[in-house]
C-alpha atoms as a PDB file:
ATOM      1  CA  MET A   1      27.874  27.865  65.326  1.00  0.00           C
ATOM      2  CA  PRO A   2      27.330  23.974  64.457  1.00  0.00           C
ATOM      3  CA  ILE A   3      25.156  23.627  61.620  1.00  0.00           C
ATOM      4  CA  THR A   4      24.297  19.746  62.242  1.00  0.00           C
ATOM      5  CA  GLY A   5      21.780  18.903  64.108  1.00  0.00           C
ATOM      6  CA  ILE A   6      18.656  20.943  64.731  1.00  0.00           C
ATOM      7  CA  TYR A   7      17.689  20.080  61.082  1.00  0.00           C
ATOM      8  CA  PHE A   8      16.196  17.145  61.944  1.00  0.00           C
ATOM      9  CA  ILE A   9      13.554  19.089  63.817  1.00  0.00           C
ATOM     10  CA  MET A  10       9.970  16.873  63.018  1.00  0.00           C
ATOM     11  CA  VAL A  11       6.845  18.598  64.153  1.00  0.00           C
ATOM     12  CA  PHE A  12       3.771  15.721  64.618  1.00  0.00           C
ATOM     13  CA  GLU A  13       1.409  18.573  66.146  1.00  0.00           C
ATOM     14  CA  ARG A  14      -1.565  19.564  64.292  1.00  0.00           C
ATOM     15  CA  SER A  15      -1.531  23.071  64.951  1.00  0.00           C
ATOM     16  CA  CYS A  16      -0.428  25.754  63.105  1.00  0.00           C
ATOM     17  CA  LYS A  17       1.178  27.239  66.285  1.00  0.00           C
ATOM     18  CA  GLY A  18       3.772  24.593  66.642  1.00  0.00           C
ATOM     19  CA  ILE A  19       4.367  24.137  62.836  1.00  0.00           C
ATOM     20  CA  VAL A  20       5.431  27.856  63.039  1.00  0.00           C
ATOM     21  CA  LEU A  21       7.496  27.225  66.389  1.00  0.00           C
ATOM     22  CA  THR A  22       9.816  25.000  64.274  1.00  0.00           C
ATOM     23  CA  MET A  23       9.762  26.578  61.197  1.00  0.00           C
ATOM     24  CA  LEU A  24      11.173  29.352  63.256  1.00  0.00           C
ATOM     25  CA  MET A  25      13.529  27.257  64.997  1.00  0.00           C
ATOM     26  CA  LEU A  26      14.768  26.087  61.937  1.00  0.00           C
ATOM     27  CA  ALA A  27      15.289  29.645  60.058  1.00  0.00           C
ATOM     28  CA  VAL A  28      16.691  30.606  63.134  1.00  0.00           C
ATOM     29  CA  ALA A  29      19.400  27.610  62.683  1.00  0.00           C
ATOM     30  CA  CYS A  30      20.303  28.278  58.999  1.00  0.00           C
ATOM     31  CA  GLN A  31      21.560  31.585  59.511  1.00  0.00           C
ATOM     32  CA  ILE A  32      24.981  30.739  59.527  1.00  0.00           C
ATOM     33  CA  THR A  33      28.383  33.008  57.974  1.00  0.00           C
ATOM     34  CA  PHE A  34      29.927  32.246  55.242  1.00  0.00           C
ATOM     35  CA  ASP A  35      33.412  32.826  57.396  1.00  0.00           C
ATOM     36  CA  GLU A  36      31.578  30.592  60.304  1.00  0.00           C
ATOM     37  CA  TYR A  37      30.583  28.110  57.158  1.00  0.00           C
ATOM     38  CA  LEU A  38      34.249  28.051  55.909  1.00  0.00           C
ATOM     39  CA  LYS A  39      35.642  27.289  59.215  1.00  0.00           C
ATOM     40  CA  GLU A  40      33.271  24.374  60.419  1.00  0.00           C
ATOM     41  CA  GLN A  41      33.942  22.456  56.741  1.00  0.00           C
ATOM     42  CA  ARG A  42      37.726  23.388  57.097  1.00  0.00           C
ATOM     43  CA  LEU A  43      37.773  25.179  53.625  1.00  0.00           C
ATOM     44  CA  SER A  44      39.786  28.394  52.469  1.00  0.00           C
ATOM     45  CA  TYR A  45      39.953  30.549  49.348  1.00  0.00           C
ATOM     46  CA  PRO A  46      42.843  32.460  49.932  1.00  0.00           C
ATOM     47  CA  ASN A  47      42.354  34.164  46.113  1.00  0.00           C
ATOM     48  CA  PRO A  48      40.449  37.296  46.951  1.00  0.00           C
ATOM     49  CA  VAL A  49      38.216  37.028  43.512  1.00  0.00           C
ATOM     50  CA  GLU A  50      37.574  33.175  44.355  1.00  0.00           C
ATOM     51  CA  TYR A  51      36.384  33.956  48.032  1.00  0.00           C
ATOM     52  CA  ALA A  52      33.957  36.844  46.467  1.00  0.00           C
ATOM     53  CA  TYR A  53      32.722  34.411  43.572  1.00  0.00           C
ATOM     54  CA  ARG A  54      32.308  31.507  46.309  1.00  0.00           C
ATOM     55  CA  LYS A  55      30.645  33.670  48.404  1.00  0.00           C
ATOM     56  CA  LYS A  56      27.904  34.612  46.665  1.00  0.00           C
ATOM     57  CA  ILE A  57      27.114  31.349  45.744  1.00  0.00           C
ATOM     58  CA  PHE A  58      26.844  30.225  49.203  1.00  0.00           C
ATOM     59  CA  ALA A  59      24.415  33.060  49.780  1.00  0.00           C
ATOM     60  CA  ASP A  60      22.730  31.811  47.122  1.00  0.00           C
ATOM     61  CA  ASN A  61      22.473  28.636  48.418  1.00  0.00           C
ATOM     62  CA  MET A  62      21.713  29.933  51.739  1.00  0.00           C
ATOM     63  CA  LYS A  63      17.902  31.914  50.134  1.00  0.00           C
ATOM     64  CA  ARG A  64      17.009  28.746  48.724  1.00  0.00           C
ATOM     65  CA  ILE A  65      17.461  26.887  52.037  1.00  0.00           C
ATOM     66  CA  THR A  66      15.348  30.158  53.650  1.00  0.00           C
ATOM     67  CA  ASP A  67      13.322  30.563  51.141  1.00  0.00           C
ATOM     68  CA  SER A  68      12.127  26.217  51.837  1.00  0.00           C
ATOM     69  CA  LEU A  69      11.479  27.281  55.094  1.00  0.00           C
ATOM     70  CA  LYS A  70       8.476  29.042  54.216  1.00  0.00           C
ATOM     71  CA  PRO A  71       4.824  28.288  53.631  1.00  0.00           C
ATOM     72  CA  PRO A  72       3.631  26.063  52.240  1.00  0.00           C
ATOM     73  CA  LEU A  73       5.402  24.022  54.149  1.00  0.00           C
ATOM     74  CA  ASN A  74       7.499  21.348  51.321  1.00  0.00           C
ATOM     75  CA  SER A  75       7.573  17.337  52.430  1.00  0.00           C
ATOM     76  CA  TYR A  76      11.488  17.627  52.620  1.00  0.00           C
ATOM     77  CA  ARG A  77      14.144  19.592  54.417  1.00  0.00           C
ATOM     78  CA  MET A  78      17.050  21.582  52.755  1.00  0.00           C
ATOM     79  CA  LYS A  79      19.941  22.082  55.084  1.00  0.00           C
ATOM     80  CA  PRO A  80      23.125  23.595  54.523  1.00  0.00           C
ATOM     81  CA  THR A  81      26.047  20.788  53.580  1.00  0.00           C
ATOM     82  CA  LYS A  82      29.394  20.487  52.393  1.00  0.00           C
ATOM     83  CA  TYR A  83      28.573  21.452  48.758  1.00  0.00           C
ATOM     84  CA  MET A  84      27.317  25.092  49.634  1.00  0.00           C
ATOM     85  CA  THR A  85      29.885  26.571  47.863  1.00  0.00           C
ATOM     86  CA  TRP A  86      29.321  24.633  44.471  1.00  0.00           C
ATOM     87  CA  THR A  87      27.696  25.632  41.585  1.00  0.00           C
ATOM     88  CA  SER A  88      25.121  23.477  40.020  1.00  0.00           C
ATOM     89  CA  GLU A  89      27.561  22.502  36.895  1.00  0.00           C
ATOM     90  CA  GLU A  90      30.058  21.826  39.421  1.00  0.00           C
ATOM     91  CA  LEU A  91      27.666  19.435  41.432  1.00  0.00           C
ATOM     92  CA  LYS A  92      26.368  18.004  37.899  1.00  0.00           C
ATOM     93  CA  SER A  93      29.993  17.606  36.744  1.00  0.00           C
ATOM     94  CA  LYS A  94      31.700  16.254  39.970  1.00  0.00           C
ATOM     95  CA  LEU A  95      28.525  14.375  41.202  1.00  0.00           C
ATOM     96  CA  TRP A  96      26.952  12.656  38.598  1.00  0.00           C
END
């Protein structure tokens, strides 16, 4: 299941029904498994301890994404990225 493309759906309708429908499509699009994510990103964690650690980080980050899709609506949209298995400390040290 590809994780790109569907996240950029924007709703210009003012009805609540249209907004809810789009939120549901986004929430469904975010339901990607850790193994699907690894395959798509061409990542692997052969060490079982590292695999479990990264899977937990992925699950926590995925929860943040799905929670961001619940009302009230935000002015931004979150989506899975290549950094889904990184901790916030890793992001800070490697990207800034």
